[in-house]
N, C-alpha and C. Protein backbone atom coordinates (compact mmCIF):
# COMPACT_ATOMS: atom_id res chain seq x y z
N MET A 1 -19.22 1.34 -11.31
CA MET A 1 -18.02 1.94 -11.88
C MET A 1 -17.48 1.04 -12.98
N ARG A 2 -17.10 1.61 -14.11
CA ARG A 2 -16.58 0.85 -15.24
C ARG A 2 -15.05 1.00 -15.28
N VAL A 3 -14.35 -0.11 -15.15
CA VAL A 3 -12.90 -0.10 -15.01
C VAL A 3 -12.26 -0.93 -16.12
N ILE A 4 -11.18 -0.41 -16.70
CA ILE A 4 -10.40 -1.16 -17.68
C ILE A 4 -9.04 -1.48 -17.05
N VAL A 5 -8.66 -2.74 -17.14
CA VAL A 5 -7.34 -3.17 -16.66
C VAL A 5 -6.55 -3.63 -17.88
N VAL A 6 -5.46 -2.94 -18.18
CA VAL A 6 -4.62 -3.28 -19.32
C VAL A 6 -3.43 -4.07 -18.81
N GLY A 7 -3.36 -5.33 -19.22
CA GLY A 7 -2.31 -6.21 -18.75
C GLY A 7 -2.87 -7.25 -17.82
N CYS A 8 -2.87 -8.51 -18.26
CA CYS A 8 -3.45 -9.58 -17.43
C CYS A 8 -2.34 -10.46 -16.86
N GLY A 9 -1.32 -9.81 -16.32
CA GLY A 9 -0.31 -10.55 -15.56
C GLY A 9 -0.84 -10.83 -14.17
N ARG A 10 0.06 -11.16 -13.25
CA ARG A 10 -0.39 -11.49 -11.89
C ARG A 10 -1.10 -10.31 -11.24
N MET A 11 -0.50 -9.11 -11.36
CA MET A 11 -1.11 -7.95 -10.72
C MET A 11 -2.41 -7.56 -11.41
N GLY A 12 -2.41 -7.54 -12.74
CA GLY A 12 -3.61 -7.16 -13.47
C GLY A 12 -4.77 -8.10 -13.21
N ALA A 13 -4.49 -9.39 -13.19
CA ALA A 13 -5.55 -10.37 -12.94
C ALA A 13 -6.09 -10.22 -11.53
N GLU A 14 -5.22 -10.05 -10.56
CA GLU A 14 -5.67 -9.92 -9.18
C GLU A 14 -6.49 -8.66 -8.99
N LEU A 15 -6.05 -7.57 -9.62
CA LEU A 15 -6.82 -6.33 -9.54
C LEU A 15 -8.20 -6.50 -10.15
N ALA A 16 -8.24 -7.10 -11.34
CA ALA A 16 -9.52 -7.30 -12.02
C ALA A 16 -10.48 -8.14 -11.18
N LEU A 17 -9.98 -9.21 -10.60
CA LEU A 17 -10.83 -10.08 -9.78
C LEU A 17 -11.31 -9.36 -8.53
N THR A 18 -10.44 -8.56 -7.93
CA THR A 18 -10.82 -7.81 -6.73
C THR A 18 -11.89 -6.78 -7.04
N VAL A 19 -11.72 -6.05 -8.14
CA VAL A 19 -12.68 -5.01 -8.49
C VAL A 19 -14.04 -5.61 -8.87
N VAL A 20 -14.02 -6.75 -9.54
CA VAL A 20 -15.26 -7.43 -9.87
C VAL A 20 -15.98 -7.87 -8.60
N ARG A 21 -15.23 -8.40 -7.64
CA ARG A 21 -15.85 -8.82 -6.37
C ARG A 21 -16.48 -7.64 -5.64
N ASP A 22 -15.94 -6.45 -5.87
CA ASP A 22 -16.49 -5.25 -5.25
C ASP A 22 -17.73 -4.73 -5.97
N GLY A 23 -18.13 -5.42 -7.04
CA GLY A 23 -19.37 -5.07 -7.72
C GLY A 23 -19.23 -4.14 -8.91
N HIS A 24 -18.02 -3.93 -9.42
CA HIS A 24 -17.82 -3.02 -10.54
C HIS A 24 -17.74 -3.79 -11.86
N GLU A 25 -17.95 -3.06 -12.95
CA GLU A 25 -17.82 -3.64 -14.30
C GLU A 25 -16.35 -3.55 -14.73
N VAL A 26 -15.78 -4.66 -15.14
CA VAL A 26 -14.36 -4.70 -15.46
C VAL A 26 -14.13 -5.29 -16.84
N THR A 27 -13.24 -4.65 -17.59
CA THR A 27 -12.78 -5.18 -18.86
C THR A 27 -11.27 -5.32 -18.80
N VAL A 28 -10.77 -6.50 -19.15
CA VAL A 28 -9.33 -6.76 -19.12
C VAL A 28 -8.81 -6.83 -20.55
N VAL A 29 -7.71 -6.13 -20.80
CA VAL A 29 -7.09 -6.10 -22.11
C VAL A 29 -5.72 -6.74 -22.04
N ASP A 30 -5.41 -7.64 -22.96
CA ASP A 30 -4.07 -8.22 -23.03
C ASP A 30 -3.82 -8.69 -24.47
N ARG A 31 -2.57 -8.55 -24.90
CA ARG A 31 -2.23 -8.98 -26.26
C ARG A 31 -2.14 -10.49 -26.38
N ASN A 32 -1.98 -11.18 -25.26
CA ASN A 32 -1.85 -12.64 -25.25
C ASN A 32 -3.13 -13.26 -24.73
N PRO A 33 -3.92 -13.90 -25.57
CA PRO A 33 -5.20 -14.46 -25.10
C PRO A 33 -5.03 -15.52 -24.02
N GLN A 34 -3.87 -16.18 -23.97
CA GLN A 34 -3.66 -17.20 -22.95
C GLN A 34 -3.55 -16.58 -21.55
N ALA A 35 -3.22 -15.29 -21.49
CA ALA A 35 -3.09 -14.63 -20.19
C ALA A 35 -4.43 -14.56 -19.45
N PHE A 36 -5.52 -14.60 -20.20
CA PHE A 36 -6.84 -14.49 -19.57
C PHE A 36 -7.16 -15.69 -18.68
N ALA A 37 -6.39 -16.77 -18.84
CA ALA A 37 -6.61 -17.95 -18.00
C ALA A 37 -6.42 -17.63 -16.53
N ARG A 38 -5.61 -16.60 -16.23
CA ARG A 38 -5.39 -16.21 -14.84
C ARG A 38 -6.67 -15.72 -14.18
N LEU A 39 -7.65 -15.31 -14.97
CA LEU A 39 -8.89 -14.78 -14.41
C LEU A 39 -9.82 -15.89 -13.92
N GLY A 40 -9.59 -17.11 -14.39
CA GLY A 40 -10.45 -18.22 -13.99
C GLY A 40 -11.78 -18.21 -14.72
N THR A 41 -12.53 -19.26 -14.51
CA THR A 41 -13.79 -19.41 -15.22
C THR A 41 -14.93 -18.62 -14.61
N SER A 42 -14.75 -18.17 -13.37
CA SER A 42 -15.83 -17.45 -12.69
C SER A 42 -15.80 -15.94 -12.94
N PHE A 43 -14.79 -15.46 -13.63
CA PHE A 43 -14.69 -14.02 -13.89
C PHE A 43 -15.85 -13.56 -14.75
N THR A 44 -16.55 -12.54 -14.29
CA THR A 44 -17.76 -12.09 -14.98
C THR A 44 -17.55 -10.86 -15.85
N GLY A 45 -16.32 -10.35 -15.89
CA GLY A 45 -16.05 -9.18 -16.71
C GLY A 45 -15.80 -9.54 -18.17
N GLN A 46 -15.35 -8.54 -18.92
CA GLN A 46 -15.09 -8.73 -20.34
C GLN A 46 -13.60 -8.93 -20.59
N ARG A 47 -13.28 -9.62 -21.67
CA ARG A 47 -11.89 -9.83 -22.08
C ARG A 47 -11.73 -9.30 -23.50
N VAL A 48 -10.68 -8.48 -23.71
CA VAL A 48 -10.43 -7.91 -25.04
C VAL A 48 -8.98 -8.21 -25.39
N GLU A 49 -8.78 -8.88 -26.52
CA GLU A 49 -7.43 -9.20 -26.97
C GLU A 49 -6.88 -8.05 -27.80
N GLY A 50 -5.67 -7.62 -27.50
CA GLY A 50 -5.05 -6.56 -28.29
C GLY A 50 -4.03 -5.79 -27.47
N VAL A 51 -3.34 -4.88 -28.15
CA VAL A 51 -2.32 -4.05 -27.51
C VAL A 51 -3.01 -2.89 -26.81
N GLY A 52 -2.65 -2.67 -25.56
CA GLY A 52 -3.37 -1.71 -24.73
C GLY A 52 -3.29 -0.28 -25.18
N PHE A 53 -2.22 0.11 -25.89
CA PHE A 53 -2.13 1.51 -26.33
C PHE A 53 -2.66 1.71 -27.75
N ASP A 54 -3.27 0.69 -28.32
CA ASP A 54 -3.94 0.82 -29.62
C ASP A 54 -5.31 1.44 -29.37
N ARG A 55 -5.58 2.57 -30.01
CA ARG A 55 -6.83 3.28 -29.76
C ARG A 55 -8.05 2.43 -30.09
N ASP A 56 -7.98 1.68 -31.19
CA ASP A 56 -9.13 0.85 -31.57
C ASP A 56 -9.39 -0.23 -30.51
N VAL A 57 -8.31 -0.77 -29.93
CA VAL A 57 -8.47 -1.77 -28.88
C VAL A 57 -9.12 -1.16 -27.66
N LEU A 58 -8.67 0.04 -27.30
CA LEU A 58 -9.26 0.71 -26.15
C LEU A 58 -10.73 1.04 -26.38
N VAL A 59 -11.07 1.41 -27.60
CA VAL A 59 -12.48 1.69 -27.91
C VAL A 59 -13.30 0.41 -27.76
N ARG A 60 -12.76 -0.72 -28.25
CA ARG A 60 -13.48 -1.99 -28.09
C ARG A 60 -13.64 -2.36 -26.63
N ALA A 61 -12.69 -1.90 -25.81
CA ALA A 61 -12.77 -2.19 -24.38
C ALA A 61 -13.72 -1.25 -23.65
N GLY A 62 -14.24 -0.24 -24.37
CA GLY A 62 -15.20 0.66 -23.76
C GLY A 62 -14.60 1.88 -23.09
N VAL A 63 -13.41 2.30 -23.56
CA VAL A 63 -12.72 3.41 -22.89
C VAL A 63 -13.52 4.70 -22.94
N GLU A 64 -14.35 4.87 -23.95
CA GLU A 64 -15.10 6.12 -24.10
C GLU A 64 -16.16 6.31 -23.01
N ARG A 65 -16.51 5.24 -22.34
CA ARG A 65 -17.51 5.34 -21.27
C ARG A 65 -16.98 4.81 -19.93
N SER A 66 -15.67 4.61 -19.86
CA SER A 66 -15.09 4.04 -18.65
C SER A 66 -14.84 5.14 -17.61
N ASP A 67 -14.80 4.71 -16.35
CA ASP A 67 -14.55 5.62 -15.24
C ASP A 67 -13.11 5.57 -14.75
N ALA A 68 -12.42 4.48 -15.06
CA ALA A 68 -11.06 4.33 -14.57
C ALA A 68 -10.30 3.35 -15.45
N LEU A 69 -8.98 3.53 -15.50
CA LEU A 69 -8.12 2.62 -16.26
C LEU A 69 -6.81 2.44 -15.51
N ALA A 70 -6.36 1.19 -15.43
CA ALA A 70 -5.06 0.87 -14.84
C ALA A 70 -4.20 0.18 -15.89
N ALA A 71 -3.02 0.74 -16.17
CA ALA A 71 -2.09 0.17 -17.14
C ALA A 71 -1.04 -0.62 -16.38
N LEU A 72 -1.10 -1.96 -16.49
CA LEU A 72 -0.29 -2.83 -15.62
C LEU A 72 0.48 -3.88 -16.41
N THR A 73 0.92 -3.55 -17.62
CA THR A 73 1.71 -4.51 -18.39
C THR A 73 3.13 -4.57 -17.84
N ALA A 74 3.96 -5.42 -18.43
CA ALA A 74 5.35 -5.56 -18.00
C ALA A 74 6.26 -4.50 -18.60
N SER A 75 5.72 -3.60 -19.41
CA SER A 75 6.51 -2.58 -20.09
C SER A 75 6.20 -1.19 -19.55
N ASP A 76 7.22 -0.49 -19.05
CA ASP A 76 7.02 0.89 -18.59
C ASP A 76 6.51 1.77 -19.72
N ASN A 77 7.13 1.65 -20.90
CA ASN A 77 6.74 2.50 -22.02
C ASN A 77 5.29 2.26 -22.42
N ALA A 78 4.90 0.99 -22.50
CA ALA A 78 3.53 0.67 -22.89
C ALA A 78 2.55 1.21 -21.86
N ASN A 79 2.87 1.09 -20.58
CA ASN A 79 1.97 1.57 -19.54
C ASN A 79 1.81 3.09 -19.59
N ILE A 80 2.90 3.79 -19.78
CA ILE A 80 2.84 5.26 -19.82
C ILE A 80 2.07 5.73 -21.05
N ILE A 81 2.34 5.12 -22.20
CA ILE A 81 1.62 5.52 -23.42
C ILE A 81 0.13 5.25 -23.27
N THR A 82 -0.20 4.06 -22.76
CA THR A 82 -1.60 3.70 -22.56
C THR A 82 -2.29 4.69 -21.62
N ALA A 83 -1.63 5.00 -20.53
CA ALA A 83 -2.21 5.92 -19.54
C ALA A 83 -2.40 7.31 -20.12
N ARG A 84 -1.43 7.78 -20.89
CA ARG A 84 -1.54 9.13 -21.46
C ARG A 84 -2.65 9.20 -22.49
N ILE A 85 -2.81 8.13 -23.30
CA ILE A 85 -3.90 8.11 -24.27
C ILE A 85 -5.24 8.12 -23.55
N ALA A 86 -5.35 7.29 -22.52
CA ALA A 86 -6.63 7.21 -21.78
C ALA A 86 -6.97 8.55 -21.16
N ARG A 87 -5.98 9.21 -20.60
CA ARG A 87 -6.24 10.49 -19.91
C ARG A 87 -6.39 11.65 -20.87
N ASN A 88 -5.49 11.77 -21.83
CA ASN A 88 -5.45 12.96 -22.68
C ASN A 88 -6.37 12.89 -23.89
N VAL A 89 -6.57 11.69 -24.42
CA VAL A 89 -7.41 11.54 -25.61
C VAL A 89 -8.85 11.21 -25.24
N PHE A 90 -9.02 10.23 -24.35
CA PHE A 90 -10.36 9.77 -24.02
C PHE A 90 -10.91 10.37 -22.72
N ARG A 91 -10.09 11.16 -22.03
CA ARG A 91 -10.52 11.87 -20.82
C ARG A 91 -11.09 10.93 -19.76
N VAL A 92 -10.44 9.79 -19.59
CA VAL A 92 -10.85 8.86 -18.51
C VAL A 92 -10.59 9.56 -17.17
N PRO A 93 -11.57 9.62 -16.29
CA PRO A 93 -11.42 10.39 -15.05
C PRO A 93 -10.28 9.92 -14.14
N LYS A 94 -10.12 8.60 -14.01
CA LYS A 94 -9.08 8.08 -13.11
C LYS A 94 -8.17 7.13 -13.88
N VAL A 95 -6.88 7.46 -13.90
CA VAL A 95 -5.91 6.66 -14.64
C VAL A 95 -4.67 6.47 -13.78
N VAL A 96 -4.14 5.25 -13.77
CA VAL A 96 -2.89 4.99 -13.06
C VAL A 96 -2.05 4.02 -13.88
N ALA A 97 -0.72 4.23 -13.83
CA ALA A 97 0.19 3.37 -14.58
C ALA A 97 1.21 2.75 -13.63
N ARG A 98 1.46 1.46 -13.81
CA ARG A 98 2.56 0.84 -13.06
C ARG A 98 3.86 1.08 -13.82
N VAL A 99 4.87 1.59 -13.11
CA VAL A 99 6.17 1.87 -13.72
C VAL A 99 7.23 1.25 -12.83
N TYR A 100 8.07 0.41 -13.41
CA TYR A 100 9.09 -0.27 -12.62
C TYR A 100 10.22 0.68 -12.22
N ASP A 101 10.58 1.59 -13.11
CA ASP A 101 11.70 2.51 -12.86
C ASP A 101 11.26 3.62 -11.92
N PRO A 102 11.76 3.67 -10.69
CA PRO A 102 11.32 4.70 -9.74
C PRO A 102 11.57 6.12 -10.23
N LEU A 103 12.70 6.35 -10.92
CA LEU A 103 13.01 7.68 -11.42
C LEU A 103 11.97 8.12 -12.44
N ARG A 104 11.66 7.23 -13.36
CA ARG A 104 10.66 7.56 -14.37
C ARG A 104 9.29 7.77 -13.75
N ALA A 105 8.96 6.95 -12.74
CA ALA A 105 7.67 7.09 -12.07
C ALA A 105 7.56 8.47 -11.44
N GLY A 106 8.63 8.92 -10.79
CA GLY A 106 8.61 10.23 -10.15
C GLY A 106 8.44 11.36 -11.15
N ILE A 107 9.10 11.24 -12.30
CA ILE A 107 9.00 12.28 -13.32
C ILE A 107 7.56 12.40 -13.82
N TYR A 108 6.94 11.28 -14.14
CA TYR A 108 5.58 11.33 -14.68
C TYR A 108 4.56 11.74 -13.62
N ARG A 109 4.82 11.37 -12.38
CA ARG A 109 3.90 11.80 -11.32
C ARG A 109 3.94 13.32 -11.16
N ARG A 110 5.12 13.89 -11.26
CA ARG A 110 5.23 15.35 -11.17
C ARG A 110 4.56 16.03 -12.34
N LEU A 111 4.47 15.32 -13.46
CA LEU A 111 3.77 15.87 -14.64
C LEU A 111 2.27 15.65 -14.58
N GLY A 112 1.81 15.05 -13.50
CA GLY A 112 0.37 14.88 -13.31
C GLY A 112 -0.19 13.53 -13.69
N LEU A 113 0.69 12.58 -14.05
CA LEU A 113 0.21 11.23 -14.40
C LEU A 113 0.43 10.32 -13.21
N PRO A 114 -0.62 9.85 -12.55
CA PRO A 114 -0.46 8.98 -11.37
C PRO A 114 0.25 7.68 -11.75
N THR A 115 1.31 7.36 -11.01
CA THR A 115 2.05 6.14 -11.26
C THR A 115 2.30 5.41 -9.94
N VAL A 116 2.53 4.12 -10.06
CA VAL A 116 2.91 3.29 -8.91
C VAL A 116 4.17 2.55 -9.30
N SER A 117 5.25 2.75 -8.55
CA SER A 117 6.49 2.03 -8.79
C SER A 117 6.56 0.84 -7.84
N THR A 118 6.31 -0.35 -8.36
CA THR A 118 6.36 -1.54 -7.51
C THR A 118 7.77 -1.81 -7.03
N THR A 119 8.77 -1.38 -7.80
CA THR A 119 10.16 -1.55 -7.36
C THR A 119 10.43 -0.74 -6.12
N ALA A 120 10.09 0.57 -6.17
CA ALA A 120 10.33 1.44 -5.02
C ALA A 120 9.53 1.00 -3.81
N TRP A 121 8.26 0.62 -4.04
CA TRP A 121 7.42 0.18 -2.94
C TRP A 121 7.98 -1.09 -2.31
N GLY A 122 8.42 -2.03 -3.16
CA GLY A 122 8.95 -3.29 -2.66
C GLY A 122 10.20 -3.08 -1.83
N VAL A 123 11.10 -2.24 -2.31
CA VAL A 123 12.33 -1.95 -1.55
C VAL A 123 11.97 -1.32 -0.20
N SER A 124 11.04 -0.36 -0.22
CA SER A 124 10.65 0.29 1.02
C SER A 124 10.07 -0.72 2.02
N ARG A 125 9.26 -1.64 1.53
CA ARG A 125 8.64 -2.64 2.42
C ARG A 125 9.70 -3.59 2.98
N ILE A 126 10.66 -3.98 2.16
CA ILE A 126 11.71 -4.88 2.63
C ILE A 126 12.54 -4.19 3.71
N VAL A 127 12.85 -2.92 3.51
CA VAL A 127 13.58 -2.16 4.53
C VAL A 127 12.81 -2.15 5.84
N GLN A 128 11.49 -1.96 5.74
CA GLN A 128 10.67 -1.96 6.95
C GLN A 128 10.79 -3.28 7.70
N LEU A 129 10.76 -4.37 6.96
CA LEU A 129 10.78 -5.69 7.58
C LEU A 129 12.16 -6.04 8.14
N LEU A 130 13.20 -5.58 7.46
CA LEU A 130 14.55 -5.93 7.88
C LEU A 130 15.09 -4.99 8.95
N VAL A 131 14.83 -3.70 8.81
CA VAL A 131 15.48 -2.70 9.65
C VAL A 131 14.56 -2.13 10.71
N HIS A 132 13.25 -2.02 10.41
CA HIS A 132 12.31 -1.40 11.34
C HIS A 132 11.19 -2.39 11.73
N ARG A 133 11.58 -3.57 12.15
CA ARG A 133 10.60 -4.63 12.40
C ARG A 133 9.68 -4.30 13.56
N GLU A 134 10.13 -3.46 14.49
CA GLU A 134 9.31 -3.18 15.67
C GLU A 134 8.14 -2.25 15.34
N LEU A 135 8.25 -1.50 14.25
CA LEU A 135 7.21 -0.54 13.90
C LEU A 135 6.11 -1.23 13.10
N ASN A 136 4.88 -0.98 13.48
CA ASN A 136 3.74 -1.53 12.74
C ASN A 136 3.33 -0.52 11.69
N VAL A 137 3.86 -0.68 10.48
CA VAL A 137 3.57 0.24 9.39
C VAL A 137 2.23 -0.16 8.79
N ILE A 138 1.25 0.74 8.88
CA ILE A 138 -0.08 0.42 8.37
C ILE A 138 -0.29 0.95 6.95
N ARG A 139 0.57 1.89 6.52
CA ARG A 139 0.46 2.38 5.16
C ARG A 139 1.70 3.18 4.80
N THR A 140 2.21 2.93 3.59
CA THR A 140 3.30 3.76 3.09
C THR A 140 2.72 4.84 2.20
N LEU A 141 3.39 5.95 2.09
CA LEU A 141 2.91 7.09 1.32
C LEU A 141 3.91 7.43 0.22
N GLY A 142 3.40 7.86 -0.93
CA GLY A 142 4.25 8.17 -2.06
C GLY A 142 4.98 6.92 -2.51
N GLU A 143 6.28 7.03 -2.69
CA GLU A 143 7.10 5.86 -3.06
C GLU A 143 7.85 5.34 -1.84
N GLY A 144 7.27 5.53 -0.66
CA GLY A 144 7.90 5.07 0.56
C GLY A 144 8.63 6.15 1.31
N GLU A 145 8.50 7.40 0.86
CA GLU A 145 9.19 8.50 1.53
C GLU A 145 8.65 8.74 2.94
N ALA A 146 7.39 8.36 3.16
CA ALA A 146 6.77 8.53 4.47
C ALA A 146 5.85 7.35 4.73
N ALA A 147 5.43 7.23 5.99
CA ALA A 147 4.58 6.10 6.35
C ALA A 147 3.69 6.49 7.52
N LEU A 148 2.61 5.72 7.67
CA LEU A 148 1.76 5.81 8.86
C LEU A 148 2.08 4.61 9.74
N VAL A 149 2.39 4.86 10.99
CA VAL A 149 2.79 3.83 11.92
C VAL A 149 1.85 3.83 13.11
N GLU A 150 1.42 2.65 13.53
CA GLU A 150 0.58 2.54 14.72
C GLU A 150 1.35 1.85 15.84
N HIS A 151 1.32 2.43 17.05
CA HIS A 151 2.03 1.81 18.16
C HIS A 151 1.42 2.28 19.47
N GLU A 152 1.43 1.41 20.47
CA GLU A 152 0.98 1.80 21.81
C GLU A 152 1.92 2.85 22.38
N VAL A 153 1.36 3.89 22.97
CA VAL A 153 2.21 4.97 23.49
C VAL A 153 3.00 4.46 24.69
N PRO A 154 4.27 4.80 24.77
CA PRO A 154 5.07 4.37 25.92
C PRO A 154 4.64 5.11 27.18
N GLN A 155 5.06 4.60 28.32
CA GLN A 155 4.68 5.21 29.60
C GLN A 155 5.15 6.65 29.68
N SER A 156 6.28 6.97 29.06
CA SER A 156 6.82 8.33 29.13
C SER A 156 5.95 9.34 28.40
N TRP A 157 5.03 8.86 27.53
CA TRP A 157 4.14 9.79 26.82
C TRP A 157 2.89 10.09 27.63
N VAL A 158 2.51 9.21 28.54
CA VAL A 158 1.27 9.37 29.29
C VAL A 158 1.34 10.66 30.11
N GLY A 159 0.31 11.49 29.96
CA GLY A 159 0.28 12.78 30.66
C GLY A 159 0.91 13.91 29.89
N ARG A 160 1.54 13.59 28.77
CA ARG A 160 2.14 14.62 27.92
C ARG A 160 1.20 14.94 26.76
N SER A 161 1.38 16.10 26.16
CA SER A 161 0.52 16.51 25.05
C SER A 161 1.10 16.04 23.71
N VAL A 162 0.23 15.98 22.71
CA VAL A 162 0.65 15.59 21.37
C VAL A 162 1.74 16.52 20.84
N GLY A 163 1.60 17.81 21.12
CA GLY A 163 2.58 18.77 20.64
C GLY A 163 3.97 18.56 21.20
N GLU A 164 4.06 17.89 22.34
CA GLU A 164 5.37 17.69 22.98
C GLU A 164 6.18 16.56 22.35
N VAL A 165 5.53 15.62 21.67
CA VAL A 165 6.25 14.44 21.19
C VAL A 165 6.53 14.50 19.69
N GLY A 166 5.94 15.43 18.99
CA GLY A 166 6.16 15.52 17.55
C GLY A 166 7.47 16.20 17.22
N VAL A 167 7.92 15.98 15.97
CA VAL A 167 9.10 16.65 15.44
C VAL A 167 8.68 17.31 14.14
N PRO A 168 8.59 18.65 14.11
CA PRO A 168 8.09 19.34 12.92
C PRO A 168 8.80 18.90 11.64
N GLY A 169 7.98 18.55 10.65
CA GLY A 169 8.53 18.14 9.36
C GLY A 169 9.01 16.72 9.29
N GLU A 170 9.00 15.99 10.42
CA GLU A 170 9.50 14.62 10.43
C GLU A 170 8.54 13.62 11.06
N ILE A 171 8.00 13.97 12.22
CA ILE A 171 7.15 13.05 12.98
C ILE A 171 5.94 13.80 13.50
N SER A 172 4.74 13.28 13.20
CA SER A 172 3.52 13.94 13.63
C SER A 172 2.47 12.91 14.03
N VAL A 173 1.86 13.10 15.19
CA VAL A 173 0.79 12.21 15.61
C VAL A 173 -0.48 12.57 14.86
N THR A 174 -0.95 11.65 14.04
CA THR A 174 -2.11 11.90 13.18
C THR A 174 -3.43 11.55 13.85
N ALA A 175 -3.43 10.49 14.65
CA ALA A 175 -4.65 10.05 15.32
C ALA A 175 -4.29 9.31 16.59
N ILE A 176 -5.26 9.21 17.48
CA ILE A 176 -5.11 8.43 18.70
C ILE A 176 -6.27 7.43 18.76
N LEU A 177 -5.94 6.18 19.03
CA LEU A 177 -6.94 5.14 19.21
C LEU A 177 -7.12 4.94 20.70
N ARG A 178 -8.32 5.22 21.20
CA ARG A 178 -8.56 5.21 22.65
C ARG A 178 -9.87 4.47 22.95
N ARG A 179 -9.75 3.38 23.67
CA ARG A 179 -10.92 2.57 24.06
C ARG A 179 -11.79 2.21 22.85
N GLY A 180 -11.13 1.79 21.79
CA GLY A 180 -11.84 1.31 20.62
C GLY A 180 -12.32 2.37 19.66
N LYS A 181 -12.04 3.65 19.96
CA LYS A 181 -12.47 4.72 19.08
C LYS A 181 -11.27 5.55 18.64
N ALA A 182 -11.39 6.15 17.47
CA ALA A 182 -10.32 6.99 16.95
C ALA A 182 -10.67 8.46 17.16
N LEU A 183 -9.66 9.25 17.49
CA LEU A 183 -9.87 10.69 17.60
C LEU A 183 -8.71 11.41 16.93
N LEU A 184 -9.00 12.57 16.35
CA LEU A 184 -7.98 13.39 15.73
C LEU A 184 -7.53 14.42 16.75
N PRO A 185 -6.32 14.32 17.22
CA PRO A 185 -5.90 15.15 18.34
C PRO A 185 -5.48 16.56 17.93
N ALA A 186 -5.61 17.47 18.87
CA ALA A 186 -5.01 18.80 18.75
C ALA A 186 -3.66 18.76 19.42
N ALA A 187 -2.90 19.82 19.25
CA ALA A 187 -1.57 19.85 19.86
C ALA A 187 -1.64 19.72 21.38
N ALA A 188 -2.75 20.18 21.97
CA ALA A 188 -2.88 20.16 23.43
C ALA A 188 -3.49 18.87 23.96
N THR A 189 -3.91 17.94 23.07
CA THR A 189 -4.48 16.68 23.52
C THR A 189 -3.46 15.89 24.34
N VAL A 190 -3.88 15.38 25.48
CA VAL A 190 -2.97 14.67 26.39
C VAL A 190 -3.14 13.16 26.22
N PHE A 191 -2.03 12.45 26.14
CA PHE A 191 -2.06 11.00 26.03
C PHE A 191 -2.49 10.37 27.34
N GLN A 192 -3.23 9.26 27.21
CA GLN A 192 -3.64 8.49 28.37
C GLN A 192 -3.07 7.08 28.28
N ALA A 193 -3.00 6.42 29.41
CA ALA A 193 -2.51 5.04 29.44
C ALA A 193 -3.42 4.17 28.57
N GLY A 194 -2.80 3.32 27.78
CA GLY A 194 -3.56 2.42 26.90
C GLY A 194 -3.81 2.99 25.53
N ASP A 195 -3.48 4.26 25.31
CA ASP A 195 -3.65 4.86 23.98
C ASP A 195 -2.73 4.19 22.97
N ARG A 196 -3.20 4.15 21.72
CA ARG A 196 -2.35 3.78 20.60
C ARG A 196 -2.26 5.00 19.68
N ALA A 197 -1.07 5.33 19.27
CA ALA A 197 -0.86 6.51 18.43
C ALA A 197 -0.65 6.08 16.98
N VAL A 198 -1.30 6.78 16.07
CA VAL A 198 -1.04 6.64 14.65
C VAL A 198 -0.16 7.82 14.27
N VAL A 199 1.05 7.53 13.84
CA VAL A 199 2.06 8.57 13.63
C VAL A 199 2.48 8.59 12.16
N SER A 200 2.51 9.77 11.57
CA SER A 200 3.09 9.93 10.24
C SER A 200 4.56 10.28 10.42
N VAL A 201 5.41 9.58 9.67
CA VAL A 201 6.85 9.72 9.87
C VAL A 201 7.58 9.64 8.53
N LEU A 202 8.56 10.49 8.34
CA LEU A 202 9.42 10.38 7.18
C LEU A 202 10.30 9.14 7.33
N SER A 203 10.62 8.50 6.21
CA SER A 203 11.46 7.30 6.28
C SER A 203 12.79 7.60 6.96
N ALA A 204 13.34 8.78 6.68
CA ALA A 204 14.63 9.13 7.26
C ALA A 204 14.56 9.34 8.77
N ALA A 205 13.36 9.46 9.32
CA ALA A 205 13.20 9.74 10.75
C ALA A 205 12.69 8.54 11.52
N ARG A 206 12.67 7.36 10.92
CA ARG A 206 12.10 6.20 11.61
C ARG A 206 12.91 5.79 12.84
N GLU A 207 14.21 5.86 12.74
CA GLU A 207 15.02 5.51 13.91
C GLU A 207 14.75 6.49 15.05
N ARG A 208 14.57 7.75 14.70
CA ARG A 208 14.25 8.74 15.72
C ARG A 208 12.91 8.42 16.39
N LEU A 209 11.92 8.00 15.57
CA LEU A 209 10.62 7.62 16.12
C LEU A 209 10.77 6.40 17.03
N GLU A 210 11.59 5.45 16.63
CA GLU A 210 11.80 4.26 17.47
C GLU A 210 12.36 4.65 18.84
N ARG A 211 13.24 5.64 18.84
CA ARG A 211 13.79 6.09 20.13
C ARG A 211 12.70 6.79 20.96
N LEU A 212 11.85 7.58 20.29
CA LEU A 212 10.77 8.24 21.01
C LEU A 212 9.79 7.24 21.60
N LEU A 213 9.59 6.13 20.89
CA LEU A 213 8.68 5.08 21.35
C LEU A 213 9.37 4.10 22.29
N GLU A 214 10.63 4.39 22.58
CA GLU A 214 11.44 3.56 23.51
C GLU A 214 11.62 2.14 23.00
N LEU A 215 11.78 2.05 21.66
CA LEU A 215 12.05 0.74 21.05
C LEU A 215 13.55 0.52 20.87
N ARG A 216 14.34 1.55 21.14
CA ARG A 216 15.80 1.44 21.02
C ARG A 216 16.46 1.85 22.32
């Protein structure tokens, strides 16, 4: 897979190094040549100096044959412009832009441009650590509006069915981990002692889930 990372800050450099370790071809673009030092001497990808939303720079980076592009500079505007050029002009199959402003991220996502708001994600994660410490959040969804939580089922769930413990639109058991294996339950699946439940839950319903899990 050929990947372009625009912006060699902390996140861009870490992403580039991770993708290279996974065996993909990576080109990093940054207007500041000194930023490439974050990649270290062992980085095997390409480095291109220039502004990420400059078409000529993107062409030098190989955008015409790339499979994915991540716009990760410190500027929301630059990231959005870069992502839109990559997607609309060069038809890059997979494009994502980091956007600090959660409101702006939501607007562009609704318009079909995948974005990641590190601000919204960070706030959501801090809330989890401060307010919902008992819940083992294994993944947040969207901008933190929902999450996947893993927890051992309480004794009161044993012998009850999955359909009995869910709350439509708020809390749903997605999977059950039983004796080292995962299963996707039906509404009639009955919990057994020692089961661990993977539950999808809206952020607004986490306290309700904690009560169901007898954590409150």
